[in-house]
Amino acid sequence: SLFNFPAIRVTDIVGDYEVSFPTARKYVDQLVAVGI
């Protein structure tokens, strides 16, 4: 999705994927860890 729009908020992931805020933040932290 970053190629469609190269920025994202944690709350966007919560809404788009119907996950909790901690889970969404975990996804973001994983992508930060690998330099994405």
PDB file of all heavy atoms in Angstrom:
ATOM      1  N   SER A   1       0.823  -1.217   0.000  1.00  0.00           N
ATOM      2  CA  SER A   1       0.000   0.000   0.000  1.00  0.00           C
ATOM      3  C   SER A   1       0.853   1.261   0.000  1.00  0.00           C
ATOM      4  O   SER A   1       0.379   2.326  -0.407  1.00  0.00           O
ATOM      5  CB  SER A   1      -0.926   0.001   1.224  1.00  0.00           C
ATOM      6  OG  SER A   1      -0.207   0.279   2.423  1.00  0.00           O
ATOM      7  N   LEU A   2       2.096   1.144   0.430  1.00  0.00           N
ATOM      8  CA  LEU A   2       2.975   2.306   0.469  1.00  0.00           C
ATOM      9  C   LEU A   2       3.314   2.814  -0.924  1.00  0.00           C
ATOM     10  O   LEU A   2       3.690   3.976  -1.096  1.00  0.00           O
ATOM     11  CB  LEU A   2       4.261   1.979   1.241  1.00  0.00           C
ATOM     12  CG  LEU A   2       4.072   1.641   2.727  1.00  0.00           C
ATOM     13  CD1 LEU A   2       5.364   1.110   3.316  1.00  0.00           C
ATOM     14  CD2 LEU A   2       3.594   2.874   3.495  1.00  0.00           C
ATOM     15  N   PHE A   3       3.179   1.967  -1.933  1.00  0.00           N
ATOM     16  CA  PHE A   3       3.430   2.413  -3.304  1.00  0.00           C
ATOM     17  C   PHE A   3       2.247   3.208  -3.841  1.00  0.00           C
ATOM     18  O   PHE A   3       2.397   4.004  -4.763  1.00  0.00           O
ATOM     19  CB  PHE A   3       3.741   1.210  -4.203  1.00  0.00           C
ATOM     20  CG  PHE A   3       5.065   0.580  -3.888  1.00  0.00           C
ATOM     21  CD1 PHE A   3       5.168  -0.410  -2.913  1.00  0.00           C
ATOM     22  CD2 PHE A   3       6.218   0.992  -4.530  1.00  0.00           C
ATOM     23  CE1 PHE A   3       6.389  -0.986  -2.609  1.00  0.00           C
ATOM     24  CE2 PHE A   3       7.449   0.438  -4.230  1.00  0.00           C
ATOM     25  CZ  PHE A   3       7.540  -0.563  -3.259  1.00  0.00           C
ATOM     26  N   ASN A   4       1.073   2.994  -3.280  1.00  0.00           N
ATOM     27  CA  ASN A   4      -0.072   3.835  -3.610  1.00  0.00           C
ATOM     28  C   ASN A   4       0.018   5.178  -2.912  1.00  0.00           C
ATOM     29  O   ASN A   4      -0.320   6.218  -3.479  1.00  0.00           O
ATOM     30  CB  ASN A   4      -1.379   3.139  -3.209  1.00  0.00           C
ATOM     31  CG  ASN A   4      -1.706   1.976  -4.115  1.00  0.00           C
ATOM     32  OD1 ASN A   4      -1.471   2.040  -5.312  1.00  0.00           O
ATOM     33  ND2 ASN A   4      -2.248   0.917  -3.548  1.00  0.00           N
ATOM     34  N   PHE A   5       0.479   5.159  -1.666  1.00  0.00           N
ATOM     35  CA  PHE A   5       0.684   6.384  -0.906  1.00  0.00           C
ATOM     36  C   PHE A   5       1.761   6.088   0.139  1.00  0.00           C
ATOM     37  O   PHE A   5       1.548   5.257   1.029  1.00  0.00           O
ATOM     38  CB  PHE A   5      -0.606   6.828  -0.228  1.00  0.00           C
ATOM     39  CG  PHE A   5      -0.464   8.140   0.517  1.00  0.00           C
ATOM     40  CD1 PHE A   5      -0.222   9.313  -0.177  1.00  0.00           C
ATOM     41  CD2 PHE A   5      -0.557   8.179   1.898  1.00  0.00           C
ATOM     42  CE1 PHE A   5      -0.093  10.515   0.494  1.00  0.00           C
ATOM     43  CE2 PHE A   5      -0.418   9.373   2.582  1.00  0.00           C
ATOM     44  CZ  PHE A   5      -0.184  10.550   1.879  1.00  0.00           C
ATOM     45  N   PRO A   6       2.944   6.735   0.034  1.00  0.00           N
ATOM     46  CA  PRO A   6       4.103   6.322   0.835  1.00  0.00           C
ATOM     47  C   PRO A   6       4.122   6.825   2.276  1.00  0.00           C
ATOM     48  O   PRO A   6       5.185   7.117   2.823  1.00  0.00           O
ATOM     49  CB  PRO A   6       5.283   6.873   0.034  1.00  0.00           C
ATOM     50  CG  PRO A   6       4.734   8.071  -0.651  1.00  0.00           C
ATOM     51  CD  PRO A   6       3.294   7.760  -0.955  1.00  0.00           C
ATOM     52  N   ALA A   7       2.957   6.937   2.888  1.00  0.00           N
ATOM     53  CA  ALA A   7       2.872   7.296   4.300  1.00  0.00           C
ATOM     54  C   ALA A   7       1.671   6.578   4.899  1.00  0.00           C
ATOM     55  O   ALA A   7       0.702   6.276   4.201  1.00  0.00           O
ATOM     56  CB  ALA A   7       2.739   8.807   4.484  1.00  0.00           C
ATOM     57  N   ILE A   8       1.753   6.323   6.203  1.00  0.00           N
ATOM     58  CA  ILE A   8       0.658   5.591   6.846  1.00  0.00           C
ATOM     59  C   ILE A   8       0.636   5.930   8.326  1.00  0.00           C
ATOM     60  O   ILE A   8       1.683   6.167   8.957  1.00  0.00           O
ATOM     61  CB  ILE A   8       0.836   4.064   6.635  1.00  0.00           C
ATOM     62  CG1 ILE A   8      -0.457   3.320   6.959  1.00  0.00           C
ATOM     63  CG2 ILE A   8       2.027   3.516   7.413  1.00  0.00           C
ATOM     64  CD1 ILE A   8      -0.471   1.899   6.453  1.00  0.00           C
ATOM     65  N   ARG A   9      -0.573   5.991   8.895  1.00  0.00           N
ATOM     66  CA  ARG A   9      -0.749   6.203  10.330  1.00  0.00           C
ATOM     67  C   ARG A   9      -1.113   4.879  10.984  1.00  0.00           C
ATOM     68  O   ARG A   9      -1.729   4.004  10.349  1.00  0.00           O
ATOM     69  CB  ARG A   9      -1.844   7.226  10.594  1.00  0.00           C
ATOM     70  CG  ARG A   9      -1.529   8.625  10.094  1.00  0.00           C
ATOM     71  CD  ARG A   9      -2.712   9.559  10.252  1.00  0.00           C
ATOM     72  NE  ARG A   9      -3.836   9.143   9.417  1.00  0.00           N
ATOM     73  CZ  ARG A   9      -4.933   9.862   9.230  1.00  0.00           C
ATOM     74  NH1 ARG A   9      -5.062  11.032   9.831  1.00  0.00           N
ATOM     75  NH2 ARG A   9      -5.907   9.418   8.461  1.00  0.00           N
ATOM     76  N   VAL A  10      -0.754   4.750  12.235  1.00  0.00           N
ATOM     77  CA  VAL A  10      -1.120   3.527  12.966  1.00  0.00           C
ATOM     78  C   VAL A  10      -2.632   3.366  12.978  1.00  0.00           C
ATOM     79  O   VAL A  10      -3.161   2.265  12.811  1.00  0.00           O
ATOM     80  CB  VAL A  10      -0.551   3.569  14.396  1.00  0.00           C
ATOM     81  CG1 VAL A  10      -1.024   2.348  15.196  1.00  0.00           C
ATOM     82  CG2 VAL A  10       0.981   3.610  14.370  1.00  0.00           C
ATOM     83  N   THR A  11      -3.356   4.471  13.127  1.00  0.00           N
ATOM     84  CA  THR A  11      -4.822   4.389  13.148  1.00  0.00           C
ATOM     85  C   THR A  11      -5.392   3.933  11.808  1.00  0.00           C
ATOM     86  O   THR A  11      -6.477   3.353  11.756  1.00  0.00           O
ATOM     87  CB  THR A  11      -5.432   5.744  13.532  1.00  0.00           C
ATOM     88  OG1 THR A  11      -4.900   6.765  12.671  1.00  0.00           O
ATOM     89  CG2 THR A  11      -5.125   6.094  14.974  1.00  0.00           C
ATOM     90  N   ASP A  12      -4.674   4.208  10.695  1.00  0.00           N
ATOM     91  CA  ASP A  12      -5.118   3.714   9.387  1.00  0.00           C
ATOM     92  C   ASP A  12      -5.108   2.187   9.366  1.00  0.00           C
ATOM     93  O   ASP A  12      -6.028   1.551   8.841  1.00  0.00           O
ATOM     94  CB  ASP A  12      -4.208   4.231   8.270  1.00  0.00           C
ATOM     95  CG  ASP A  12      -4.288   5.740   8.106  1.00  0.00           C
ATOM     96  OD1 ASP A  12      -5.355   6.309   8.414  1.00  0.00           O
ATOM     97  OD2 ASP A  12      -3.285   6.337   7.673  1.00  0.00           O
ATOM     98  N   ILE A  13      -4.070   1.606   9.937  1.00  0.00           N
ATOM     99  CA  ILE A  13      -3.966   0.146   9.968  1.00  0.00           C
ATOM    100  C   ILE A  13      -5.055  -0.448  10.848  1.00  0.00           C
ATOM    101  O   ILE A  13      -5.654  -1.479  10.518  1.00  0.00           O
ATOM    102  CB  ILE A  13      -2.560  -0.273  10.464  1.00  0.00           C
ATOM    103  CG1 ILE A  13      -1.490   0.254   9.503  1.00  0.00           C
ATOM    104  CG2 ILE A  13      -2.449  -1.790  10.602  1.00  0.00           C
ATOM    105  CD1 ILE A  13      -0.075   0.029   9.973  1.00  0.00           C
ATOM    106  N   VAL A  14      -5.330   0.232  11.953  1.00  0.00           N
ATOM    107  CA  VAL A  14      -6.411  -0.234  12.837  1.00  0.00           C
ATOM    108  C   VAL A  14      -7.718  -0.316  12.063  1.00  0.00           C
ATOM    109  O   VAL A  14      -8.441  -1.322  12.124  1.00  0.00           O
ATOM    110  CB  VAL A  14      -6.560   0.711  14.055  1.00  0.00           C
ATOM    111  CG1 VAL A  14      -7.813   0.350  14.848  1.00  0.00           C
ATOM    112  CG2 VAL A  14      -5.323   0.640  14.945  1.00  0.00           C
ATOM    113  N   GLY A  15      -8.036   0.730  11.309  1.00  0.00           N
ATOM    114  CA  GLY A  15      -9.301   0.757  10.580  1.00  0.00           C
ATOM    115  C   GLY A  15      -9.327  -0.151   9.373  1.00  0.00           C
ATOM    116  O   GLY A  15     -10.316  -0.852   9.134  1.00  0.00           O
ATOM    117  N   ASP A  16      -8.232  -0.170   8.603  1.00  0.00           N
ATOM    118  CA  ASP A  16      -8.208  -0.946   7.360  1.00  0.00           C
ATOM    119  C   ASP A  16      -8.170  -2.451   7.599  1.00  0.00           C
ATOM    120  O   ASP A  16      -8.720  -3.223   6.809  1.00  0.00           O
ATOM    121  CB  ASP A  16      -7.001  -0.540   6.505  1.00  0.00           C
ATOM    122  CG  ASP A  16      -7.117   0.879   5.973  1.00  0.00           C
ATOM    123  OD1 ASP A  16      -8.238   1.424   6.003  1.00  0.00           O
ATOM    124  OD2 ASP A  16      -6.086   1.434   5.541  1.00  0.00           O
ATOM    125  N   TYR A  17      -7.514  -2.861   8.683  1.00  0.00           N
ATOM    126  CA  TYR A  17      -7.312  -4.301   8.904  1.00  0.00           C
ATOM    127  C   TYR A  17      -8.088  -4.834  10.101  1.00  0.00           C
ATOM    128  O   TYR A  17      -7.983  -6.014  10.439  1.00  0.00           O
ATOM    129  CB  TYR A  17      -5.808  -4.594   9.061  1.00  0.00           C
ATOM    130  CG  TYR A  17      -5.036  -4.289   7.803  1.00  0.00           C
ATOM    131  CD1 TYR A  17      -4.452  -3.027   7.617  1.00  0.00           C
ATOM    132  CD2 TYR A  17      -4.916  -5.223   6.790  1.00  0.00           C
ATOM    133  CE1 TYR A  17      -3.762  -2.732   6.453  1.00  0.00           C
ATOM    134  CE2 TYR A  17      -4.209  -4.937   5.619  1.00  0.00           C
ATOM    135  CZ  TYR A  17      -3.642  -3.688   5.460  1.00  0.00           C
ATOM    136  OH  TYR A  17      -2.963  -3.403   4.309  1.00  0.00           O
ATOM    137  N   GLU A  18      -8.861  -3.934  10.738  1.00  0.00           N
ATOM    138  CA  GLU A  18      -9.708  -4.328  11.870  1.00  0.00           C
ATOM    139  C   GLU A  18      -8.900  -5.070  12.941  1.00  0.00           C
ATOM    140  O   GLU A  18      -9.216  -6.180  13.350  1.00  0.00           O
ATOM    141  CB  GLU A  18     -10.877  -5.195  11.391  1.00  0.00           C
ATOM    142  CG  GLU A  18     -11.800  -4.443  10.435  1.00  0.00           C
ATOM    143  CD  GLU A  18     -12.974  -5.287   9.976  1.00  0.00           C
ATOM    144  OE1 GLU A  18     -12.956  -6.513  10.200  1.00  0.00           O
ATOM    145  OE2 GLU A  18     -13.916  -4.717   9.392  1.00  0.00           O
ATOM    146  N   VAL A  19      -7.808  -4.399  13.348  1.00  0.00           N
ATOM    147  CA  VAL A  19      -6.963  -4.941  14.407  1.00  0.00           C
ATOM    148  C   VAL A  19      -6.890  -3.931  15.535  1.00  0.00           C
ATOM    149  O   VAL A  19      -7.280  -2.756  15.380  1.00  0.00           O
ATOM    150  CB  VAL A  19      -5.548  -5.269  13.889  1.00  0.00           C
ATOM    151  CG1 VAL A  19      -5.603  -6.361  12.824  1.00  0.00           C
ATOM    152  CG2 VAL A  19      -4.857  -4.019  13.353  1.00  0.00           C
ATOM    153  N   SER A  20      -6.392  -4.345  16.677  1.00  0.00           N
ATOM    154  CA  SER A  20      -6.261  -3.433  17.810  1.00  0.00           C
ATOM    155  C   SER A  20      -5.097  -2.475  17.577  1.00  0.00           C
ATOM    156  O   SER A  20      -4.220  -2.721  16.735  1.00  0.00           O
ATOM    157  CB  SER A  20      -6.007  -4.233  19.092  1.00  0.00           C
ATOM    158  OG  SER A  20      -4.736  -4.878  19.021  1.00  0.00           O
ATOM    159  N   PHE A  21      -5.082  -1.393  18.338  1.00  0.00           N
ATOM    160  CA  PHE A  21      -3.991  -0.423  18.217  1.00  0.00           C
ATOM    161  C   PHE A  21      -2.641  -1.058  18.532  1.00  0.00           C
ATOM    162  O   PHE A  21      -1.666  -0.845  17.782  1.00  0.00           O
ATOM    163  CB  PHE A  21      -4.244   0.778  19.131  1.00  0.00           C
ATOM    164  CG  PHE A  21      -3.278   1.908  18.918  1.00  0.00           C
ATOM    165  CD1 PHE A  21      -3.554   2.922  18.024  1.00  0.00           C
ATOM    166  CD2 PHE A  21      -2.072   1.950  19.610  1.00  0.00           C
ATOM    167  CE1 PHE A  21      -2.652   3.965  17.819  1.00  0.00           C
ATOM    168  CE2 PHE A  21      -1.167   2.974  19.416  1.00  0.00           C
ATOM    169  CZ  PHE A  21      -1.466   3.992  18.510  1.00  0.00           C
ATOM    170  N   PRO A  22      -2.516  -1.850  19.616  1.00  0.00           N
ATOM    171  CA  PRO A  22      -1.223  -2.496  19.885  1.00  0.00           C
ATOM    172  C   PRO A  22      -0.762  -3.389  18.732  1.00  0.00           C
ATOM    173  O   PRO A  22       0.432  -3.435  18.409  1.00  0.00           O
ATOM    174  CB  PRO A  22      -1.476  -3.302  21.162  1.00  0.00           C
ATOM    175  CG  PRO A  22      -2.594  -2.574  21.838  1.00  0.00           C
ATOM    176  CD  PRO A  22      -3.469  -2.089  20.728  1.00  0.00           C
ATOM    177  N   THR A  23      -1.687  -4.111  18.091  1.00  0.00           N
ATOM    178  CA  THR A  23      -1.306  -4.976  16.969  1.00  0.00           C
ATOM    179  C   THR A  23      -0.837  -4.141  15.785  1.00  0.00           C
ATOM    180  O   THR A  23       0.175  -4.452  15.134  1.00  0.00           O
ATOM    181  CB  THR A  23      -2.495  -5.866  16.550  1.00  0.00           C
ATOM    182  OG1 THR A  23      -2.855  -6.707  17.641  1.00  0.00           O
ATOM    183  CG2 THR A  23      -2.141  -6.720  15.347  1.00  0.00           C
ATOM    184  N   ALA A  24      -1.566  -3.061  15.515  1.00  0.00           N
ATOM    185  CA  ALA A  24      -1.169  -2.177  14.414  1.00  0.00           C
ATOM    186  C   ALA A  24       0.203  -1.572  14.680  1.00  0.00           C
ATOM    187  O   ALA A  24       1.043  -1.472  13.773  1.00  0.00           O
ATOM    188  CB  ALA A  24      -2.214  -1.082  14.226  1.00  0.00           C
ATOM    189  N   ARG A  25       0.429  -1.170  15.913  1.00  0.00           N
ATOM    190  CA  ARG A  25       1.738  -0.593  16.259  1.00  0.00           C
ATOM    191  C   ARG A  25       2.843  -1.642  16.124  1.00  0.00           C
ATOM    192  O   ARG A  25       3.964  -1.331  15.697  1.00  0.00           O
ATOM    193  CB  ARG A  25       1.704  -0.040  17.682  1.00  0.00           C
ATOM    194  CG  ARG A  25       3.016   0.635  18.109  1.00  0.00           C
ATOM    195  CD  ARG A  25       3.324   1.803  17.175  1.00  0.00           C
ATOM    196  NE  ARG A  25       4.728   2.183  17.240  1.00  0.00           N
ATOM    197  CZ  ARG A  25       5.188   3.228  17.942  1.00  0.00           C
ATOM    198  NH1 ARG A  25       4.347   3.974  18.651  1.00  0.00           N
ATOM    199  NH2 ARG A  25       6.450   3.536  17.925  1.00  0.00           N
ATOM    200  N   LYS A  26       2.532  -2.887  16.436  1.00  0.00           N
ATOM    201  CA  LYS A  26       3.521  -3.955  16.270  1.00  0.00           C
ATOM    202  C   LYS A  26       3.906  -4.109  14.805  1.00  0.00           C
ATOM    203  O   LYS A  26       5.085  -4.259  14.463  1.00  0.00           O
ATOM    204  CB  LYS A  26       2.965  -5.270  16.809  1.00  0.00           C
ATOM    205  CG  LYS A  26       3.964  -6.439  16.715  1.00  0.00           C
ATOM    206  CD  LYS A  26       3.312  -7.762  17.059  1.00  0.00           C
ATOM    207  CE  LYS A  26       2.405  -8.225  15.923  1.00  0.00           C
ATOM    208  NZ  LYS A  26       1.881  -9.598  16.144  1.00  0.00           N
ATOM    209  N   TYR A  27       2.887  -4.057  13.899  1.00  0.00           N
ATOM    210  CA  TYR A  27       3.184  -4.158  12.467  1.00  0.00           C
ATOM    211  C   TYR A  27       4.114  -3.029  12.029  1.00  0.00           C
ATOM    212  O   TYR A  27       5.084  -3.250  11.293  1.00  0.00           O
ATOM    213  CB  TYR A  27       1.887  -4.080  11.650  1.00  0.00           C
ATOM    214  CG  TYR A  27       0.990  -5.288  11.772  1.00  0.00           C
ATOM    215  CD1 TYR A  27      -0.399  -5.147  11.609  1.00  0.00           C
ATOM    216  CD2 TYR A  27       1.496  -6.558  12.031  1.00  0.00           C
ATOM    217  CE1 TYR A  27      -1.252  -6.240  11.701  1.00  0.00           C
ATOM    218  CE2 TYR A  27       0.651  -7.651  12.124  1.00  0.00           C
ATOM    219  CZ  TYR A  27      -0.719  -7.496  11.966  1.00  0.00           C
ATOM    220  OH  TYR A  27      -1.553  -8.578  12.046  1.00  0.00           O
ATOM    221  N   VAL A  28       3.819  -1.822  12.476  1.00  0.00           N
ATOM    222  CA  VAL A  28       4.639  -0.681  12.098  1.00  0.00           C
ATOM    223  C   VAL A  28       6.062  -0.835  12.633  1.00  0.00           C
ATOM    224  O   VAL A  28       7.044  -0.584  11.918  1.00  0.00           O
ATOM    225  CB  VAL A  28       4.005   0.627  12.613  1.00  0.00           C
ATOM    226  CG1 VAL A  28       4.993   1.786  12.508  1.00  0.00           C
ATOM    227  CG2 VAL A  28       2.739   0.944  11.835  1.00  0.00           C
ATOM    228  N   ASP A  29       6.194  -1.255  13.886  1.00  0.00           N
ATOM    229  CA  ASP A  29       7.528  -1.439  14.477  1.00  0.00           C
ATOM    230  C   ASP A  29       8.336  -2.467  13.694  1.00  0.00           C
ATOM    231  O   ASP A  29       9.560  -2.312  13.515  1.00  0.00           O
ATOM    232  CB  ASP A  29       7.405  -1.871  15.941  1.00  0.00           C
ATOM    233  CG  ASP A  29       6.926  -0.738  16.839  1.00  0.00           C
ATOM    234  OD1 ASP A  29       6.996   0.429  16.405  1.00  0.00           O
ATOM    235  OD2 ASP A  29       6.468  -1.031  17.963  1.00  0.00           O
ATOM    236  N   GLN A  30       7.662  -3.514  13.202  1.00  0.00           N
ATOM    237  CA  GLN A  30       8.362  -4.530  12.405  1.00  0.00           C
ATOM    238  C   GLN A  30       8.853  -3.934  11.082  1.00  0.00           C
ATOM    239  O   GLN A  30       9.968  -4.232  10.633  1.00  0.00           O
ATOM    240  CB  GLN A  30       7.434  -5.712  12.135  1.00  0.00           C
ATOM    241  CG  GLN A  30       7.175  -6.576  13.367  1.00  0.00           C
ATOM    242  CD  GLN A  30       6.152  -7.665  13.099  1.00  0.00           C
ATOM    243  OE1 GLN A  30       5.089  -7.405  12.527  1.00  0.00           O
ATOM    244  NE2 GLN A  30       6.460  -8.887  13.518  1.00  0.00           N
ATOM    245  N   LEU A  31       8.042  -3.084  10.482  1.00  0.00           N
ATOM    246  CA  LEU A  31       8.451  -2.476   9.217  1.00  0.00           C
ATOM    247  C   LEU A  31       9.542  -1.432   9.432  1.00  0.00           C
ATOM    248  O   LEU A  31      10.402  -1.238   8.563  1.00  0.00           O
ATOM    249  CB  LEU A  31       7.230  -1.845   8.530  1.00  0.00           C
ATOM    250  CG  LEU A  31       6.158  -2.835   8.059  1.00  0.00           C
ATOM    251  CD1 LEU A  31       4.927  -2.097   7.538  1.00  0.00           C
ATOM    252  CD2 LEU A  31       6.711  -3.776   6.990  1.00  0.00           C
ATOM    253  N   VAL A  32       9.527  -0.778  10.574  1.00  0.00           N
ATOM    254  CA  VAL A  32      10.614   0.143  10.911  1.00  0.00           C
ATOM    255  C   VAL A  32      11.909  -0.638  11.110  1.00  0.00           C
ATOM    256  O   VAL A  32      12.988  -0.238  10.647  1.00  0.00           O
ATOM    257  CB  VAL A  32      10.273   0.951  12.180  1.00  0.00           C
ATOM    258  CG1 VAL A  32      11.501   1.710  12.689  1.00  0.00           C
ATOM    259  CG2 VAL A  32       9.127   1.922  11.898  1.00  0.00           C
ATOM    260  N   ALA A  33      11.812  -1.779  11.766  1.00  0.00           N
ATOM    261  CA  ALA A  33      12.991  -2.580  12.082  1.00  0.00           C
ATOM    262  C   ALA A  33      13.727  -3.052  10.831  1.00  0.00           C
ATOM    263  O   ALA A  33      14.959  -3.195  10.850  1.00  0.00           O
ATOM    264  CB  ALA A  33      12.597  -3.786  12.942  1.00  0.00           C
ATOM    265  N   VAL A  34      12.996  -3.285   9.740  1.00  0.00           N
ATOM    266  CA  VAL A  34      13.648  -3.750   8.503  1.00  0.00           C
ATOM    267  C   VAL A  34      13.877  -2.604   7.518  1.00  0.00           C
ATOM    268  O   VAL A  34      14.195  -2.831   6.351  1.00  0.00           O
ATOM    269  CB  VAL A  34      12.838  -4.878   7.829  1.00  0.00           C
ATOM    270  CG1 VAL A  34      12.818  -6.108   8.723  1.00  0.00           C
ATOM    271  CG2 VAL A  34      11.417  -4.429   7.498  1.00  0.00           C
ATOM    272  N   GLY A  35      13.713  -1.371   7.968  1.00  0.00           N
ATOM    273  CA  GLY A  35      14.057  -0.212   7.158  1.00  0.00           C
ATOM    274  C   GLY A  35      13.044   0.199   6.130  1.00  0.00           C
ATOM    275  O   GLY A  35      13.333   1.021   5.253  1.00  0.00           O
ATOM    276  N   ILE A  36      11.822  -0.317   6.215  1.00  0.00           N
ATOM    277  CA  ILE A  36      10.791   0.047   5.246  1.00  0.00           C
ATOM    278  C   ILE A  36      10.131   1.370   5.638  1.00  0.00           C
ATOM    279  O   ILE A  36       9.808   2.190   4.773  1.00  0.00           O
ATOM    280  CB  ILE A  36       9.748  -1.081   5.111  1.00  0.00           C
ATOM    281  CG1 ILE A  36      10.394  -2.298   4.447  1.00  0.00           C
ATOM    282  CG2 ILE A  36       8.523  -0.620   4.329  1.00  0.00           C
ATOM    283  CD1 ILE A  36       9.496  -3.513   4.367  1.00  0.00           C
TER     284      ILE A  36
END
